[in-house]
PDB file of N, CA and C in Angstrom:
ATOM      1  N   MET A   1     122.634  85.868  89.120  1.00  0.00           N
ATOM      2  CA  MET A   1     121.536  85.776  88.621  1.00  0.00           C
ATOM      3  C   MET A   1     120.308  87.156  87.888  1.00  0.00           C
ATOM      4  N   GLN A   2     119.757  86.663  87.180  1.00  0.00           N
ATOM      5  CA  GLN A   2     119.295  87.251  86.034  1.00  0.00           C
ATOM      6  C   GLN A   2     117.575  87.689  86.660  1.00  0.00           C
ATOM      7  N   ALA A   3     117.322  88.631  86.564  1.00  0.00           N
ATOM      8  CA  ALA A   3     116.148  89.711  86.686  1.00  0.00           C
ATOM      9  C   ALA A   3     115.286  89.287  85.695  1.00  0.00           C
ATOM     10  N   ILE A   4     113.732  89.929  85.838  1.00  0.00           N
ATOM     11  CA  ILE A   4     112.622  90.998  85.145  1.00  0.00           C
ATOM     12  C   ILE A   4     111.621  91.274  85.568  1.00  0.00           C
ATOM     13  N   GLU A   5     110.655  92.447  84.904  1.00  0.00           N
ATOM     14  CA  GLU A   5     110.355  92.700  86.094  1.00  0.00           C
ATOM     15  C   GLU A   5     108.559  93.342  85.412  1.00  0.00           C
ATOM     16  N   PHE A   6     107.767  92.668  85.770  1.00  0.00           N
ATOM     17  CA  PHE A   6     106.228  92.696  84.767  1.00  0.00           C
ATOM     18  C   PHE A   6     105.474  93.271  85.687  1.00  0.00           C
ATOM     19  N   GLU A   7     104.217  93.209  85.884  1.00  0.00           N
ATOM     20  CA  GLU A   7     103.174  93.128  86.205  1.00  0.00           C
ATOM     21  C   GLU A   7     101.895  92.644  86.250  1.00  0.00           C
ATOM     22  N   THR A   8     100.675  91.537  86.648  1.00  0.00           N
ATOM     23  CA  THR A   8     100.425  91.040  86.318  1.00  0.00           C
ATOM     24  C   THR A   8      99.372  90.658  87.251  1.00  0.00           C
ATOM     25  N   HIS A   9      98.316  90.158  86.732  1.00  0.00           N
ATOM     26  CA  HIS A   9      97.211  89.679  88.278  1.00  0.00           C
ATOM     27  C   HIS A   9      97.245  88.605  88.818  1.00  0.00           C
ATOM     28  N   LEU A  10      96.967  88.497  90.151  1.00  0.00           N
ATOM     29  CA  LEU A  10      96.426  86.437  90.223  1.00  0.00           C
ATOM     30  C   LEU A  10      95.249  86.061  89.742  1.00  0.00           C
ATOM     31  N   GLU A  11      95.311  84.976  89.603  1.00  0.00           N
ATOM     32  CA  GLU A  11      94.056  84.239  89.061  1.00  0.00           C
ATOM     33  C   GLU A  11      93.916  83.232  90.165  1.00  0.00           C
ATOM     34  N   ASN A  12      93.194  82.947  90.887  1.00  0.00           N
ATOM     35  CA  ASN A  12      93.635  81.379  90.824  1.00  0.00           C
ATOM     36  C   ASN A  12      94.220  81.090  91.578  1.00  0.00           C
ATOM     37  N   GLY A  13      95.724  81.697  92.149  1.00  0.00           N
ATOM     38  CA  GLY A  13      96.759  81.370  92.739  1.00  0.00           C
ATOM     39  C   GLY A  13      97.659  81.226  91.836  1.00  0.00           C
ATOM     40  N   LEU A  14      97.226  82.115  90.257  1.00  0.00           N
ATOM     41  CA  LEU A  14      98.201  81.186  89.455  1.00  0.00           C
ATOM     42  C   LEU A  14      98.983  82.238  89.034  1.00  0.00           C
ATOM     43  N   ILE A  15     100.204  83.176  89.041  1.00  0.00           N
ATOM     44  CA  ILE A  15     101.063  84.291  87.373  1.00  0.00           C
ATOM     45  C   ILE A  15     100.602  84.497  86.499  1.00  0.00           C
ATOM     46  N   HIS A  16     100.412  84.960  85.356  1.00  0.00           N
ATOM     47  CA  HIS A  16     100.165  84.840  84.508  1.00  0.00           C
ATOM     48  C   HIS A  16     101.429  85.759  84.072  1.00  0.00           C
ATOM     49  N   LEU A  17     102.282  85.016  83.732  1.00  0.00           N
ATOM     50  CA  LEU A  17     103.752  85.665  82.584  1.00  0.00           C
ATOM     51  C   LEU A  17     102.910  86.444  81.216  1.00  0.00           C
ATOM     52  N   PRO A  18     103.754  87.370  81.326  1.00  0.00           N
ATOM     53  CA  PRO A  18     103.442  88.096  79.318  1.00  0.00           C
ATOM     54  C   PRO A  18     103.990  86.814  78.665  1.00  0.00           C
ATOM     55  N   VAL A  19     103.589  87.031  77.244  1.00  0.00           N
ATOM     56  CA  VAL A  19     103.804  86.576  76.557  1.00  0.00           C
ATOM     57  C   VAL A  19     104.949  86.589  76.310  1.00  0.00           C
ATOM     58  N   SER A  20     105.917  87.720  75.705  1.00  0.00           N
ATOM     59  CA  SER A  20     107.759  87.951  75.897  1.00  0.00           C
ATOM     60  C   SER A  20     108.084  86.916  76.696  1.00  0.00           C
ATOM     61  N   TYR A  21     107.904  86.950  77.936  1.00  0.00           N
ATOM     62  CA  TYR A  21     109.181  86.091  79.216  1.00  0.00           C
ATOM     63  C   TYR A  21     108.289  84.791  78.823  1.00  0.00           C
ATOM     64  N   GLN A  22     107.533  84.121  77.963  1.00  0.00           N
ATOM     65  CA  GLN A  22     107.009  82.782  78.807  1.00  0.00           C
ATOM     66  C   GLN A  22     108.306  81.848  78.202  1.00  0.00           C
ATOM     67  N   HIS A  23     108.842  82.389  77.497  1.00  0.00           N
ATOM     68  CA  HIS A  23     110.440  80.808  77.408  1.00  0.00           C
ATOM     69  C   HIS A  23     111.442  81.952  77.832  1.00  0.00           C
ATOM     70  N   TRP A  24     111.174  82.289  78.722  1.00  0.00           N
ATOM     71  CA  TRP A  24     113.106  82.916  79.274  1.00  0.00           C
ATOM     72  C   TRP A  24     112.901  82.110  80.359  1.00  0.00           C
ATOM     73  N   GLN A  25     114.247  81.236  79.648  1.00  0.00           N
ATOM     74  CA  GLN A  25     115.030  80.348  81.087  1.00  0.00           C
ATOM     75  C   GLN A  25     114.057  79.810  81.298  1.00  0.00           C
ATOM     76  N   GLU A  26     113.641  79.198  80.182  1.00  0.00           N
ATOM     77  CA  GLU A  26     112.079  77.708  79.750  1.00  0.00           C
ATOM     78  C   GLU A  26     113.519  76.553  80.990  1.00  0.00           C
ATOM     79  N   GLY A  27     112.946  75.628  81.811  1.00  0.00           N
ATOM     80  CA  GLY A  27     113.019  74.692  82.195  1.00  0.00           C
ATOM     81  C   GLY A  27     114.529  75.053  83.116  1.00  0.00           C
ATOM     82  N   LYS A  28     114.288  75.879  83.511  1.00  0.00           N
ATOM     83  CA  LYS A  28     115.116  76.012  85.308  1.00  0.00           C
ATOM     84  C   LYS A  28     114.855  76.607  86.030  1.00  0.00           C
ATOM     85  N   HIS A  29     115.495  76.628  87.253  1.00  0.00           N
ATOM     86  CA  HIS A  29     114.382  76.679  88.595  1.00  0.00           C
ATOM     87  C   HIS A  29     114.801  77.694  88.334  1.00  0.00           C
ATOM     88  N   VAL A  30     113.520  78.925  89.016  1.00  0.00           N
ATOM     89  CA  VAL A  30     113.661  80.138  89.546  1.00  0.00           C
ATOM     90  C   VAL A  30     113.090  80.375  90.624  1.00  0.00           C
ATOM     91  N   LYS A  31     113.426  81.525  90.994  1.00  0.00           N
ATOM     92  CA  LYS A  31     112.991  82.020  92.807  1.00  0.00           C
ATOM     93  C   LYS A  31     112.227  83.138  92.270  1.00  0.00           C
ATOM     94  N   VAL A  32     110.248  83.240  93.106  1.00  0.00           N
ATOM     95  CA  VAL A  32     109.339  84.317  92.755  1.00  0.00           C
ATOM     96  C   VAL A  32     109.190  85.239  93.742  1.00  0.00           C
ATOM     97  N   ILE A  33     109.591  86.536  93.655  1.00  0.00           N
ATOM     98  CA  ILE A  33     109.254  87.208  94.744  1.00  0.00           C
ATOM     99  C   ILE A  33     108.265  88.498  94.216  1.00  0.00           C
ATOM    100  N   VAL A  34     107.616  88.264  95.229  1.00  0.00           N
ATOM    101  CA  VAL A  34     105.879  88.855  94.871  1.00  0.00           C
ATOM    102  C   VAL A  34     105.404  89.746  95.169  1.00  0.00           C
ATOM    103  N   LEU A  35     105.707  91.631  95.195  1.00  0.00           N
ATOM    104  CA  LEU A  35     105.390  92.269  95.540  1.00  0.00           C
ATOM    105  C   LEU A  35     103.964  93.503  95.487  1.00  0.00           C
ATOM    106  N   VAL A  36     102.728  93.621  96.593  1.00  0.00           N
ATOM    107  CA  VAL A  36     101.653  94.029  95.892  1.00  0.00           C
ATOM    108  C   VAL A  36     102.483  95.650  96.546  1.00  0.00           C
ATOM    109  N   ASP A  37     101.526  96.201  95.033  1.00  0.00           N
ATOM    110  CA  ASP A  37     101.525  97.698  95.172  1.00  0.00           C
ATOM    111  C   ASP A  37     100.202  97.786  96.408  1.00  0.00           C
ATOM    112  N   GLU A  38     100.460  98.227  97.543  1.00  0.00           N
ATOM    113  CA  GLU A  38      99.194  98.303  98.620  1.00  0.00           C
ATOM    114  C   GLU A  38      98.654  99.478  98.151  1.00  0.00           C
ATOM    115  N   SER A  39      99.098 100.486  97.527  1.00  0.00           N
ATOM    116  CA  SER A  39      98.499 102.330  97.054  1.00  0.00           C
ATOM    117  C   SER A  39      97.150 101.263  95.909  1.00  0.00           C
ATOM    118  N   ALA A  40      97.493 100.280  95.373  1.00  0.00           N
ATOM    119  CA  ALA A  40      96.719 100.541  93.925  1.00  0.00           C
ATOM    120  C   ALA A  40      95.313  99.728  94.576  1.00  0.00           C
ATOM    121  N   ASP A  41      96.115  98.840  95.671  1.00  0.00           N
ATOM    122  CA  ASP A  41      94.284  97.701  96.855  1.00  0.00           C
ATOM    123  C   ASP A  41      93.836  98.713  97.510  1.00  0.00           C
ATOM    124  N   ASP A  42      94.747  99.941  98.121  1.00  0.00           N
ATOM    125  CA  ASP A  42      93.971 100.855  98.766  1.00  0.00           C
ATOM    126  C   ASP A  42      91.943 101.446  98.164  1.00  0.00           C
ATOM    127  N   ARG A  43      93.388 101.988  96.407  1.00  0.00           N
ATOM    128  CA  ARG A  43      92.227 102.351  95.641  1.00  0.00           C
ATOM    129  C   ARG A  43      90.978 101.501  94.904  1.00  0.00           C
ATOM    130  N   LEU A  44      91.562 100.295  95.203  1.00  0.00           N
ATOM    131  CA  LEU A  44      90.605  99.414  93.978  1.00  0.00           C
ATOM    132  C   LEU A  44      89.062  98.976  95.048  1.00  0.00           C
ATOM    133  N   GLU A  45      89.987  99.206  96.638  1.00  0.00           N
ATOM    134  CA  GLU A  45      88.762  99.061  97.570  1.00  0.00           C
ATOM    135  C   GLU A  45      87.864  99.633  97.783  1.00  0.00           C
ATOM    136  N   GLN A  46      88.454 101.462  97.908  1.00  0.00           N
ATOM    137  CA  GLN A  46      87.795 102.451  98.576  1.00  0.00           C
ATOM    138  C   GLN A  46      86.620 102.613  96.871  1.00  0.00           C
ATOM    139  N   GLN A  47      87.262 102.115  95.489  1.00  0.00           N
ATOM    140  CA  GLN A  47      85.650 102.440  94.463  1.00  0.00           C
ATOM    141  C   GLN A  47      85.219 101.299  94.951  1.00  0.00           C
ATOM    142  N   ASN A  48      84.778  99.805  95.889  1.00  0.00           N
ATOM    143  CA  ASN A  48      84.285  99.069  95.366  1.00  0.00           C
ATOM    144  C   ASN A  48      83.360  99.939  96.840  1.00  0.00           C
ATOM    145  N   ARG A  49      83.910 100.056  97.579  1.00  0.00           N
ATOM    146  CA  ARG A  49      83.431 100.368  99.120  1.00  0.00           C
ATOM    147  C   ARG A  49      82.550 101.842  99.148  1.00  0.00           C
ATOM    148  N   GLN A  50      82.934 102.635  97.646  1.00  0.00           N
ATOM    149  CA  GLN A  50      81.900 102.975  97.144  1.00  0.00           C
ATOM    150  C   GLN A  50      81.015 103.305  96.385  1.00  0.00           C
ATOM    151  N   SER A  51      80.888 101.960  95.149  1.00  0.00           N
ATOM    152  CA  SER A  51      79.692 101.963  94.953  1.00  0.00           C
ATOM    153  C   SER A  51      78.984 100.954  95.488  1.00  0.00           C
ATOM    154  N   ILE A  52      79.578 100.178  97.013  1.00  0.00           N
ATOM    155  CA  ILE A  52      78.548  99.322  97.820  1.00  0.00           C
ATOM    156  C   ILE A  52      77.561 100.552  98.464  1.00  0.00           C
ATOM    157  N   ASN A  53      78.320 102.052  98.482  1.00  0.00           N
ATOM    158  CA  ASN A  53      77.229 102.850  99.572  1.00  0.00           C
ATOM    159  C   ASN A  53      76.736 103.527  98.758  1.00  0.00           C
ATOM    160  N   ARG A  54      76.973 104.123  97.751  1.00  0.00           N
ATOM    161  CA  ARG A  54      75.451 104.852  96.602  1.00  0.00           C
ATOM    162  C   ARG A  54      74.318 103.924  96.529  1.00  0.00           C
ATOM    163  N   HIS A  55      74.823 102.707  97.131  1.00  0.00           N
ATOM    164  CA  HIS A  55      73.159 102.053  96.853  1.00  0.00           C
ATOM    165  C   HIS A  55      72.600 101.468  98.113  1.00  0.00           C
ATOM    166  N   ALA A  56      73.159 101.929  99.564  1.00  0.00           N
ATOM    167  CA  ALA A  56      72.481 102.301 100.785  1.00  0.00           C
ATOM    168  C   ALA A  56      71.907 103.103 101.476  1.00  0.00           C
ATOM    169  N   GLY A  57      70.634 103.547 101.808  1.00  0.00           N
ATOM    170  CA  GLY A  57      69.877 103.932 102.115  1.00  0.00           C
ATOM    171  C   GLY A  57      70.273 104.077 103.004  1.00  0.00           C
ATOM    172  N   LYS A  58      69.082 105.425 103.730  1.00  0.00           N
ATOM    173  CA  LYS A  58      70.089 106.183 104.706  1.00  0.00           C
ATOM    174  C   LYS A  58      68.400 106.108 105.902  1.00  0.00           C
ATOM    175  N   VAL A  59      69.201 105.509 106.789  1.00  0.00           N
ATOM    176  CA  VAL A  59      67.655 105.455 107.617  1.00  0.00           C
ATOM    177  C   VAL A  59      67.768 107.079 108.695  1.00  0.00           C
ATOM    178  N   SER A  60      66.350 106.564 108.506  1.00  0.00           N
ATOM    179  CA  SER A  60      66.005 107.812 109.402  1.00  0.00           C
ATOM    180  C   SER A  60      64.605 107.905 110.937  1.00  0.00           C
ATOM    181  N   LEU A  61      64.686 107.878 111.507  1.00  0.00           N
ATOM    182  CA  LEU A  61      63.851 108.226 112.587  1.00  0.00           C
ATOM    183  C   LEU A  61      62.300 109.129 113.104  1.00  0.00           C
ATOM    184  N   THR A  62      61.097 108.307 113.212  1.00  0.00           N
ATOM    185  CA  THR A  62      60.929 109.185 112.666  1.00  0.00           C
ATOM    186  C   THR A  62      59.552 109.400 114.254  1.00  0.00           C
ATOM    187  N   GLN A  63      60.328 109.548 115.030  1.00  0.00           N
ATOM    188  CA  GLN A  63      60.329 109.492 116.339  1.00  0.00           C
ATOM    189  C   GLN A  63      61.421 109.098 117.676  1.00  0.00           C
ATOM    190  N   ASP A  64      61.244 109.732 118.441  1.00  0.00           N
ATOM    191  CA  ASP A  64      62.144 109.591 119.692  1.00  0.00           C
ATOM    192  C   ASP A  64      62.331 108.196 120.224  1.00  0.00           C
ATOM    193  N   PRO A  65      63.688 106.801 120.013  1.00  0.00           N
ATOM    194  CA  PRO A  65      63.352 105.408 120.468  1.00  0.00           C
ATOM    195  C   PRO A  65      63.032 105.349 121.392  1.00  0.00           C
ATOM    196  N   LEU A  66      63.018 105.880 122.461  1.00  0.00           N
ATOM    197  CA  LEU A  66      62.729 105.893 124.162  1.00  0.00           C
ATOM    198  C   LEU A  66      61.752 106.385 123.517  1.00  0.00           C
ATOM    199  N   ASP A  67      60.921 106.965 123.560  1.00  0.00           N
ATOM    200  CA  ASP A  67      59.368 107.210 123.311  1.00  0.00           C
ATOM    201  C   ASP A  67      58.535 105.747 122.134  1.00  0.00           C
ATOM    202  N   PHE A  68      59.184 105.512 122.005  1.00  0.00           N
ATOM    203  CA  PHE A  68      58.884 104.169 121.261  1.00  0.00           C
ATOM    204  C   PHE A  68      58.496 103.174 121.949  1.00  0.00           C
ATOM    205  N   GLN A  69      59.337 102.556 122.504  1.00  0.00           N
ATOM    206  CA  GLN A  69      59.785 102.474 123.608  1.00  0.00           C
ATOM    207  C   GLN A  69      58.667 102.344 124.547  1.00  0.00           C
ATOM    208  N   LYS A  70      57.813 103.144 125.150  1.00  0.00           N
ATOM    209  CA  LYS A  70      57.489 103.787 126.448  1.00  0.00           C
ATOM    210  C   LYS A  70      55.809 103.020 125.578  1.00  0.00           C
ATOM    211  N   SER A  71      55.652 103.896 124.043  1.00  0.00           N
ATOM    212  CA  SER A  71      54.524 103.092 123.827  1.00  0.00           C
ATOM    213  C   SER A  71      54.380 101.627 123.576  1.00  0.00           C
ATOM    214  N   ILE A  72      54.723 100.465 124.115  1.00  0.00           N
ATOM    215  CA  ILE A  72      54.966  99.943 123.093  1.00  0.00           C
ATOM    216  C   ILE A  72      54.464  98.893 124.502  1.00  0.00           C
ATOM    217  N   ARG A  73      55.795  99.533 126.053  1.00  0.00           N
ATOM    218  CA  ARG A  73      55.073  98.931 127.536  1.00  0.00           C
ATOM    219  C   ARG A  73      54.026  99.659 128.045  1.00  0.00           C
ATOM    220  N   ASP A  74      53.496 100.373 127.368  1.00  0.00           N
ATOM    221  CA  ASP A  74      51.852 100.995 127.684  1.00  0.00           C
ATOM    222  C   ASP A  74      51.135  99.880 127.157  1.00  0.00           C
ATOM    223  N   GLU A  75      51.288  98.907 125.522  1.00  0.00           N
ATOM    224  CA  GLU A  75      50.336  99.261 125.831  1.00  0.00           C
ATOM    225  C   GLU A  75      50.316  97.120 126.079  1.00  0.00           C
ATOM    226  N   TRP A  76      51.231  97.082 126.659  1.00  0.00           N
ATOM    227  CA  TRP A  76      50.962  95.490 127.241  1.00  0.00           C
ATOM    228  C   TRP A  76      51.048  95.390 128.220  1.00  0.00           C
ATOM    229  N   ALA A  77      51.035  96.694 129.280  1.00  0.00           N
ATOM    230  CA  ALA A  77      50.197  97.035 130.904  1.00  0.00           C
ATOM    231  C   ALA A  77      48.798  96.832 130.876  1.00  0.00           C
TER     232      ALA A  77
END
């Protein structure tokens, strides 16, 4: 069994072969094994999370939440 190794990205369920391998063993049955570099995915996910978080605002309370509830209850009474 012969093997080649390369890195690529999946797009819509398709694995794109590098040009240099596109005609390698053409017409023959092949076995495909896909390995994912989880550390690369973790870095990408962390970058995405950071980019989203930088747009998030901060929530701050102007008064104690329980005091607010008490004042609303007093108004309804």
